[in-house]
PDB file of N, CA and C in Angstrom:
ATOM      1  N   MET A   1      15.124 -17.102  42.988  1.00  0.00           N
ATOM      2  CA  MET A   1      15.825 -16.411  41.936  1.00  0.00           C
ATOM      3  C   MET A   1      14.931 -16.330  40.706  1.00  0.00           C
ATOM      4  N   GLY A   2      14.811 -15.149  40.185  1.00  0.00           N
ATOM      5  CA  GLY A   2      13.956 -14.948  39.028  1.00  0.00           C
ATOM      6  C   GLY A   2      14.755 -14.461  37.829  1.00  0.00           C
ATOM      7  N   ARG A   3      14.092 -14.488  36.741  1.00  0.00           N
ATOM      8  CA  ARG A   3      14.724 -14.010  35.499  1.00  0.00           C
ATOM      9  C   ARG A   3      14.606 -12.503  35.385  1.00  0.00           C
ATOM     10  N   ARG A   4      15.441 -11.957  34.529  1.00  0.00           N
ATOM     11  CA  ARG A   4      15.308 -10.545  34.210  1.00  0.00           C
ATOM     12  C   ARG A   4      14.181 -10.372  33.202  1.00  0.00           C
ATOM     13  N   LYS A   5      13.468  -9.284  33.310  1.00  0.00           N
ATOM     14  CA  LYS A   5      12.404  -9.010  32.349  1.00  0.00           C
ATOM     15  C   LYS A   5      13.004  -8.511  31.052  1.00  0.00           C
ATOM     16  N   ARG A   6      12.499  -9.044  29.964  1.00  0.00           N
ATOM     17  CA  ARG A   6      12.939  -8.579  28.649  1.00  0.00           C
ATOM     18  C   ARG A   6      12.100  -7.395  28.215  1.00  0.00           C
ATOM     19  N   LYS A   7      12.734  -6.494  27.526  1.00  0.00           N
ATOM     20  CA  LYS A   7      12.024  -5.352  26.991  1.00  0.00           C
ATOM     21  C   LYS A   7      11.318  -5.789  25.708  1.00  0.00           C
ATOM     22  N   VAL A   8      10.024  -5.563  25.635  1.00  0.00           N
ATOM     23  CA  VAL A   8       9.228  -5.953  24.472  1.00  0.00           C
ATOM     24  C   VAL A   8       9.317  -4.845  23.427  1.00  0.00           C
ATOM     25  N   ILE A   9       9.799  -5.201  22.248  1.00  0.00           N
ATOM     26  CA  ILE A   9       9.900  -4.250  21.147  1.00  0.00           C
ATOM     27  C   ILE A   9       8.771  -4.545  20.170  1.00  0.00           C
ATOM     28  N   ARG A  10       7.897  -3.591  20.017  1.00  0.00           N
ATOM     29  CA  ARG A  10       6.765  -3.768  19.104  1.00  0.00           C
ATOM     30  C   ARG A  10       7.018  -2.986  17.828  1.00  0.00           C
ATOM     31  N   ALA A  11       6.724  -3.627  16.713  1.00  0.00           N
ATOM     32  CA  ALA A  11       6.877  -2.974  15.417  1.00  0.00           C
ATOM     33  C   ALA A  11       5.691  -2.038  15.188  1.00  0.00           C
ATOM     34  N   PRO A  12       5.935  -0.826  14.714  1.00  0.00           N
ATOM     35  CA  PRO A  12       4.818   0.093  14.465  1.00  0.00           C
ATOM     36  C   PRO A  12       3.967  -0.395  13.291  1.00  0.00           C
ATOM     37  N   LYS A  13       2.667  -0.157  13.380  1.00  0.00           N
ATOM     38  CA  LYS A  13       1.766  -0.548  12.298  1.00  0.00           C
ATOM     39  C   LYS A  13       1.969   0.371  11.109  1.00  0.00           C
ATOM     40  N   ARG A  14       2.003  -0.223   9.950  1.00  0.00           N
ATOM     41  CA  ARG A  14       2.126   0.564   8.735  1.00  0.00           C
ATOM     42  C   ARG A  14       0.750   1.056   8.322  1.00  0.00           C
ATOM     43  N   LYS A  15       0.715   2.289   7.824  1.00  0.00           N
ATOM     44  CA  LYS A  15      -0.554   2.828   7.345  1.00  0.00           C
ATOM     45  C   LYS A  15      -0.418   3.187   5.871  1.00  0.00           C
ATOM     46  N   LEU A  16      -1.543   3.261   5.202  1.00  0.00           N
ATOM     47  CA  LEU A  16      -1.563   3.571   3.777  1.00  0.00           C
ATOM     48  C   LEU A  16      -1.225   5.044   3.561  1.00  0.00           C
ATOM     49  N   PRO A  17      -0.587   5.367   2.430  1.00  0.00           N
ATOM     50  CA  PRO A  17      -0.206   6.765   2.189  1.00  0.00           C
ATOM     51  C   PRO A  17      -1.413   7.647   1.882  1.00  0.00           C
ATOM     52  N   ASP A  18      -1.240   8.943   2.123  1.00  0.00           N
ATOM     53  CA  ASP A  18      -2.285   9.930   1.825  1.00  0.00           C
ATOM     54  C   ASP A  18      -2.012  10.663   0.516  1.00  0.00           C
ATOM     55  N   ILE A  19      -0.748  10.777   0.152  1.00  0.00           N
ATOM     56  CA  ILE A  19      -0.342  11.481  -1.065  1.00  0.00           C
ATOM     57  C   ILE A  19       0.316  10.462  -1.987  1.00  0.00           C
ATOM     58  N   PHE A  20      -0.061  10.514  -3.274  1.00  0.00           N
ATOM     59  CA  PHE A  20       0.385   9.502  -4.223  1.00  0.00           C
ATOM     60  C   PHE A  20       1.217  10.112  -5.346  1.00  0.00           C
ATOM     61  N   LEU A  21       1.850   9.263  -6.135  1.00  0.00           N
ATOM     62  CA  LEU A  21       2.710   9.656  -7.240  1.00  0.00           C
ATOM     63  C   LEU A  21       1.873   9.981  -8.474  1.00  0.00           C
ATOM     64  N   CYS A  22       2.164  11.111  -9.101  1.00  0.00           N
ATOM     65  CA  CYS A  22       1.491  11.508 -10.331  1.00  0.00           C
ATOM     66  C   CYS A  22       2.241  10.911 -11.517  1.00  0.00           C
ATOM     67  N   HIS A  23       1.527  10.245 -12.407  1.00  0.00           N
ATOM     68  CA  HIS A  23       2.157   9.636 -13.577  1.00  0.00           C
ATOM     69  C   HIS A  23       2.403  10.659 -14.678  1.00  0.00           C
ATOM     70  N   ASN A  24       1.791  11.817 -14.577  1.00  0.00           N
ATOM     71  CA  ASN A  24       1.960  12.847 -15.587  1.00  0.00           C
ATOM     72  C   ASN A  24       3.227  13.673 -15.341  1.00  0.00           C
ATOM     73  N   CYS A  25       3.410  14.157 -14.111  1.00  0.00           N
ATOM     74  CA  CYS A  25       4.558  15.017 -13.823  1.00  0.00           C
ATOM     75  C   CYS A  25       5.634  14.337 -12.983  1.00  0.00           C
ATOM     76  N   GLY A  26       5.342  13.194 -12.366  1.00  0.00           N
ATOM     77  CA  GLY A  26       6.336  12.447 -11.611  1.00  0.00           C
ATOM     78  C   GLY A  26       6.538  12.903 -10.181  1.00  0.00           C
ATOM     79  N   ASN A  27       5.699  13.777  -9.659  1.00  0.00           N
ATOM     80  CA  ASN A  27       5.823  14.270  -8.275  1.00  0.00           C
ATOM     81  C   ASN A  27       4.846  13.538  -7.364  1.00  0.00           C
ATOM     82  N   ASN A  28       5.158  13.514  -6.080  1.00  0.00           N
ATOM     83  CA  ASN A  28       4.217  13.009  -5.083  1.00  0.00           C
ATOM     84  C   ASN A  28       3.265  14.138  -4.733  1.00  0.00           C
ATOM     85  N   ALA A  29       2.226  14.304  -5.520  1.00  0.00           N
ATOM     86  CA  ALA A  29       1.351  15.454  -5.339  1.00  0.00           C
ATOM     87  C   ALA A  29      -0.121  15.138  -5.572  1.00  0.00           C
ATOM     88  N   ILE A  30      -0.504  13.876  -5.676  1.00  0.00           N
ATOM     89  CA  ILE A  30      -1.904  13.548  -5.947  1.00  0.00           C
ATOM     90  C   ILE A  30      -2.647  13.324  -4.634  1.00  0.00           C
ATOM     91  N   ARG A  31      -3.751  14.035  -4.496  1.00  0.00           N
ATOM     92  CA  ARG A  31      -4.644  13.891  -3.350  1.00  0.00           C
ATOM     93  C   ARG A  31      -5.948  13.262  -3.819  1.00  0.00           C
ATOM     94  N   VAL A  32      -6.515  12.418  -2.982  1.00  0.00           N
ATOM     95  CA  VAL A  32      -7.806  11.794  -3.262  1.00  0.00           C
ATOM     96  C   VAL A  32      -8.788  12.273  -2.194  1.00  0.00           C
ATOM     97  N   VAL A  33      -9.875  12.898  -2.638  1.00  0.00           N
ATOM     98  CA  VAL A  33     -10.915  13.381  -1.731  1.00  0.00           C
ATOM     99  C   VAL A  33     -12.190  12.613  -2.046  1.00  0.00           C
ATOM    100  N   ILE A  34     -12.718  11.920  -1.050  1.00  0.00           N
ATOM    101  CA  ILE A  34     -13.945  11.145  -1.225  1.00  0.00           C
ATOM    102  C   ILE A  34     -15.093  11.919  -0.584  1.00  0.00           C
ATOM    103  N   ILE A  35     -16.104  12.222  -1.399  1.00  0.00           N
ATOM    104  CA  ILE A  35     -17.299  12.919  -0.917  1.00  0.00           C
ATOM    105  C   ILE A  35     -18.393  11.868  -0.794  1.00  0.00           C
ATOM    106  N   LYS A  36     -18.708  11.483   0.436  1.00  0.00           N
ATOM    107  CA  LYS A  36     -19.634  10.381   0.669  1.00  0.00           C
ATOM    108  C   LYS A  36     -21.080  10.754   0.363  1.00  0.00           C
ATOM    109  N   MET A  37     -21.439  12.023   0.533  1.00  0.00           N
ATOM    110  CA  MET A  37     -22.820  12.441   0.282  1.00  0.00           C
ATOM    111  C   MET A  37     -23.180  12.306  -1.195  1.00  0.00           C
ATOM    112  N   LYS A  38     -22.253  12.687  -2.078  1.00  0.00           N
ATOM    113  CA  LYS A  38     -22.497  12.613  -3.521  1.00  0.00           C
ATOM    114  C   LYS A  38     -22.004  11.305  -4.126  1.00  0.00           C
ATOM    115  N   GLN A  39     -21.305  10.506  -3.344  1.00  0.00           N
ATOM    116  CA  GLN A  39     -20.730   9.222  -3.765  1.00  0.00           C
ATOM    117  C   GLN A  39     -19.793   9.382  -4.956  1.00  0.00           C
ATOM    118  N   ILE A  40     -18.899  10.373  -4.860  1.00  0.00           N
ATOM    119  CA  ILE A  40     -17.868  10.554  -5.874  1.00  0.00           C
ATOM    120  C   ILE A  40     -16.521  10.741  -5.187  1.00  0.00           C
ATOM    121  N   ALA A  41     -15.476  10.504  -5.943  1.00  0.00           N
ATOM    122  CA  ALA A  41     -14.115  10.740  -5.474  1.00  0.00           C
ATOM    123  C   ALA A  41     -13.425  11.655  -6.474  1.00  0.00           C
ATOM    124  N   ILE A  42     -12.758  12.682  -5.976  1.00  0.00           N
ATOM    125  CA  ILE A  42     -12.046  13.635  -6.824  1.00  0.00           C
ATOM    126  C   ILE A  42     -10.556  13.432  -6.608  1.00  0.00           C
ATOM    127  N   ILE A  43      -9.845  13.251  -7.719  1.00  0.00           N
ATOM    128  CA  ILE A  43      -8.402  13.077  -7.689  1.00  0.00           C
ATOM    129  C   ILE A  43      -7.789  14.280  -8.374  1.00  0.00           C
ATOM    130  N   LYS A  44      -6.827  14.921  -7.694  1.00  0.00           N
ATOM    131  CA  LYS A  44      -6.218  16.114  -8.267  1.00  0.00           C
ATOM    132  C   LYS A  44      -4.742  16.152  -7.929  1.00  0.00           C
ATOM    133  N   CYS A  45      -3.941  16.495  -8.947  1.00  0.00           N
ATOM    134  CA  CYS A  45      -2.507  16.684  -8.754  1.00  0.00           C
ATOM    135  C   CYS A  45      -2.261  18.141  -8.394  1.00  0.00           C
ATOM    136  N   GLY A  46      -1.495  18.388  -7.349  1.00  0.00           N
ATOM    137  CA  GLY A  46      -1.210  19.743  -6.906  1.00  0.00           C
ATOM    138  C   GLY A  46      -0.190  20.456  -7.770  1.00  0.00           C
ATOM    139  N   LYS A  47       0.617  19.730  -8.527  1.00  0.00           N
ATOM    140  CA  LYS A  47       1.664  20.341  -9.348  1.00  0.00           C
ATOM    141  C   LYS A  47       1.179  20.627 -10.768  1.00  0.00           C
ATOM    142  N   CYS A  48       0.724  19.583 -11.473  1.00  0.00           N
ATOM    143  CA  CYS A  48       0.392  19.771 -12.891  1.00  0.00           C
ATOM    144  C   CYS A  48      -1.093  20.033 -13.139  1.00  0.00           C
ATOM    145  N   GLY A  49      -1.953  19.835 -12.131  1.00  0.00           N
ATOM    146  CA  GLY A  49      -3.366  20.135 -12.286  1.00  0.00           C
ATOM    147  C   GLY A  49      -4.194  19.036 -12.914  1.00  0.00           C
ATOM    148  N   LEU A  50      -3.638  17.856 -13.094  1.00  0.00           N
ATOM    149  CA  LEU A  50      -4.397  16.724 -13.642  1.00  0.00           C
ATOM    150  C   LEU A  50      -5.511  16.373 -12.665  1.00  0.00           C
ATOM    151  N   GLN A  51      -6.742  16.288 -13.169  1.00  0.00           N
ATOM    152  CA  GLN A  51      -7.890  16.082 -12.301  1.00  0.00           C
ATOM    153  C   GLN A  51      -8.829  15.069 -12.919  1.00  0.00           C
ATOM    154  N   ALA A  52      -9.483  14.267 -12.072  1.00  0.00           N
ATOM    155  CA  ALA A  52     -10.465  13.285 -12.530  1.00  0.00           C
ATOM    156  C   ALA A  52     -11.488  13.032 -11.427  1.00  0.00           C
ATOM    157  N   GLU A  53     -12.666  12.567 -11.823  1.00  0.00           N
ATOM    158  CA  GLU A  53     -13.717  12.187 -10.882  1.00  0.00           C
ATOM    159  C   GLU A  53     -14.115  10.749 -11.146  1.00  0.00           C
ATOM    160  N   PHE A  54     -14.330  10.013 -10.082  1.00  0.00           N
ATOM    161  CA  PHE A  54     -14.743   8.616 -10.179  1.00  0.00           C
ATOM    162  C   PHE A  54     -15.925   8.387  -9.248  1.00  0.00           C
ATOM    163  N   PRO A  55     -16.870   7.543  -9.657  1.00  0.00           N
ATOM    164  CA  PRO A  55     -17.964   7.208  -8.741  1.00  0.00           C
ATOM    165  C   PRO A  55     -17.468   6.232  -7.664  1.00  0.00           C
ATOM    166  N   VAL A  56     -17.971   6.422  -6.459  1.00  0.00           N
ATOM    167  CA  VAL A  56     -17.648   5.512  -5.363  1.00  0.00           C
ATOM    168  C   VAL A  56     -18.753   4.477  -5.318  1.00  0.00           C
ATOM    169  N   ILE A  57     -18.417   3.246  -5.688  1.00  0.00           N
ATOM    170  CA  ILE A  57     -19.412   2.185  -5.778  1.00  0.00           C
ATOM    171  C   ILE A  57     -19.712   1.600  -4.402  1.00  0.00           C
ATOM    172  N   HIS A  58     -18.669   1.304  -3.637  1.00  0.00           N
ATOM    173  CA  HIS A  58     -18.832   0.712  -2.316  1.00  0.00           C
ATOM    174  C   HIS A  58     -18.488   1.753  -1.252  1.00  0.00           C
ATOM    175  N   ALA A  59     -19.167   1.701  -0.131  1.00  0.00           N
ATOM    176  CA  ALA A  59     -18.939   2.674   0.930  1.00  0.00           C
ATOM    177  C   ALA A  59     -17.597   2.473   1.624  1.00  0.00           C
ATOM    178  N   HIS A  60     -17.038   1.295   1.526  1.00  0.00           N
ATOM    179  CA  HIS A  60     -15.784   1.004   2.215  1.00  0.00           C
ATOM    180  C   HIS A  60     -14.544   1.191   1.344  1.00  0.00           C
ATOM    181  N   GLU A  61     -14.690   1.818   0.185  1.00  0.00           N
ATOM    182  CA  GLU A  61     -13.528   2.058  -0.675  1.00  0.00           C
ATOM    183  C   GLU A  61     -12.589   3.071  -0.036  1.00  0.00           C
ATOM    184  N   GLN A  62     -11.303   2.788  -0.123  1.00  0.00           N
ATOM    185  CA  GLN A  62     -10.263   3.640   0.428  1.00  0.00           C
ATOM    186  C   GLN A  62      -9.663   4.491  -0.691  1.00  0.00           C
ATOM    187  N   PRO A  63      -8.920   5.547  -0.347  1.00  0.00           N
ATOM    188  CA  PRO A  63      -8.266   6.360  -1.384  1.00  0.00           C
ATOM    189  C   PRO A  63      -7.303   5.565  -2.261  1.00  0.00           C
ATOM    190  N   ILE A  64      -6.686   4.521  -1.743  1.00  0.00           N
ATOM    191  CA  ILE A  64      -5.771   3.715  -2.548  1.00  0.00           C
ATOM    192  C   ILE A  64      -6.529   2.971  -3.648  1.00  0.00           C
ATOM    193  N   ASP A  65      -7.775   2.580  -3.390  1.00  0.00           N
ATOM    194  CA  ASP A  65      -8.591   1.914  -4.412  1.00  0.00           C
ATOM    195  C   ASP A  65      -8.914   2.869  -5.552  1.00  0.00           C
ATOM    196  N   ILE A  66      -9.250   4.092  -5.225  1.00  0.00           N
ATOM    197  CA  ILE A  66      -9.563   5.101  -6.234  1.00  0.00           C
ATOM    198  C   ILE A  66      -8.306   5.443  -7.026  1.00  0.00           C
ATOM    199  N   TYR A  67      -7.162   5.522  -6.344  1.00  0.00           N
ATOM    200  CA  TYR A  67      -5.899   5.811  -7.023  1.00  0.00           C
ATOM    201  C   TYR A  67      -5.548   4.706  -8.020  1.00  0.00           C
ATOM    202  N   CYS A  68      -5.841   3.465  -7.692  1.00  0.00           N
ATOM    203  CA  CYS A  68      -5.583   2.354  -8.621  1.00  0.00           C
ATOM    204  C   CYS A  68      -6.453   2.469  -9.868  1.00  0.00           C
ATOM    205  N   LYS A  69      -7.708   2.868  -9.700  1.00  0.00           N
ATOM    206  CA  LYS A  69      -8.574   3.103 -10.857  1.00  0.00           C
ATOM    207  C   LYS A  69      -8.015   4.236 -11.718  1.00  0.00           C
ATOM    208  N   PHE A  70      -7.512   5.275 -11.069  1.00  0.00           N
ATOM    209  CA  PHE A  70      -6.937   6.419 -11.760  1.00  0.00           C
ATOM    210  C   PHE A  70      -5.715   6.001 -12.580  1.00  0.00           C
ATOM    211  N   THR A  71      -4.828   5.210 -12.002  1.00  0.00           N
ATOM    212  CA  THR A  71      -3.636   4.772 -12.730  1.00  0.00           C
ATOM    213  C   THR A  71      -4.002   3.886 -13.912  1.00  0.00           C
ATOM    214  N   ASP A  72      -5.056   3.082 -13.781  1.00  0.00           N
ATOM    215  CA  ASP A  72      -5.516   2.268 -14.903  1.00  0.00           C
ATOM    216  C   ASP A  72      -5.988   3.152 -16.055  1.00  0.00           C
ATOM    217  N   LYS A  73      -6.739   4.204 -15.740  1.00  0.00           N
ATOM    218  CA  LYS A  73      -7.227   5.121 -16.786  1.00  0.00           C
ATOM    219  C   LYS A  73      -6.091   5.877 -17.448  1.00  0.00           C
ATOM    220  N   VAL A  74      -5.094   6.287 -16.673  1.00  0.00           N
ATOM    221  CA  VAL A  74      -3.960   7.021 -17.222  1.00  0.00           C
ATOM    222  C   VAL A  74      -3.114   6.111 -18.108  1.00  0.00           C
ATOM    223  N   SER A  75      -2.903   4.864 -17.680  1.00  0.00           N
ATOM    224  CA  SER A  75      -2.056   3.952 -18.462  1.00  0.00           C
ATOM    225  C   SER A  75      -2.710   3.517 -19.771  1.00  0.00           C
ATOM    226  N   THR A  76      -4.046   3.484 -19.820  1.00  0.00           N
ATOM    227  CA  THR A  76      -4.720   3.134 -21.073  1.00  0.00           C
ATOM    228  C   THR A  76      -4.849   4.324 -22.009  1.00  0.00           C
ATOM    229  N   GLY A  77      -4.605   5.533 -21.489  1.00  0.00           N
ATOM    230  CA  GLY A  77      -4.653   6.717 -22.333  1.00  0.00           C
ATOM    231  C   GLY A  77      -5.992   7.430 -22.313  1.00  0.00           C
ATOM    232  N   GLU A  78      -6.904   7.045 -21.447  1.00  0.00           N
ATOM    233  CA  GLU A  78      -8.202   7.702 -21.367  1.00  0.00           C
ATOM    234  C   GLU A  78      -8.095   9.079 -20.722  1.00  0.00           C
ATOM    235  N   LEU A  79      -7.128   9.251 -19.829  1.00  0.00           N
ATOM    236  CA  LEU A  79      -6.884  10.556 -19.206  1.00  0.00           C
ATOM    237  C   LEU A  79      -5.536  11.076 -19.665  1.00  0.00           C
ATOM    238  N   VAL A  80      -5.492  12.352 -19.975  1.00  0.00           N
ATOM    239  CA  VAL A  80      -4.228  12.965 -20.411  1.00  0.00           C
ATOM    240  C   VAL A  80      -3.931  14.167 -19.568  1.00  0.00           C
TER     241      VAL A  80
END
């Protein structure tokens, strides 16, 4: 006599978002594009047009890292 097999339920892996919240207009419309050849990252809001460029210091930086730098600049008032 054997046991019944249990069904294994696996939780899906969470992934980082691709589109972020804009602090200027309040919409989820910010895209981060990393250009590895020039080592820059361009952040642009699709709704209000807020745009910024940041240097990519490390090759393993993700778009969420660049977005955090962007929010720091916006909160200090350097970007309007």
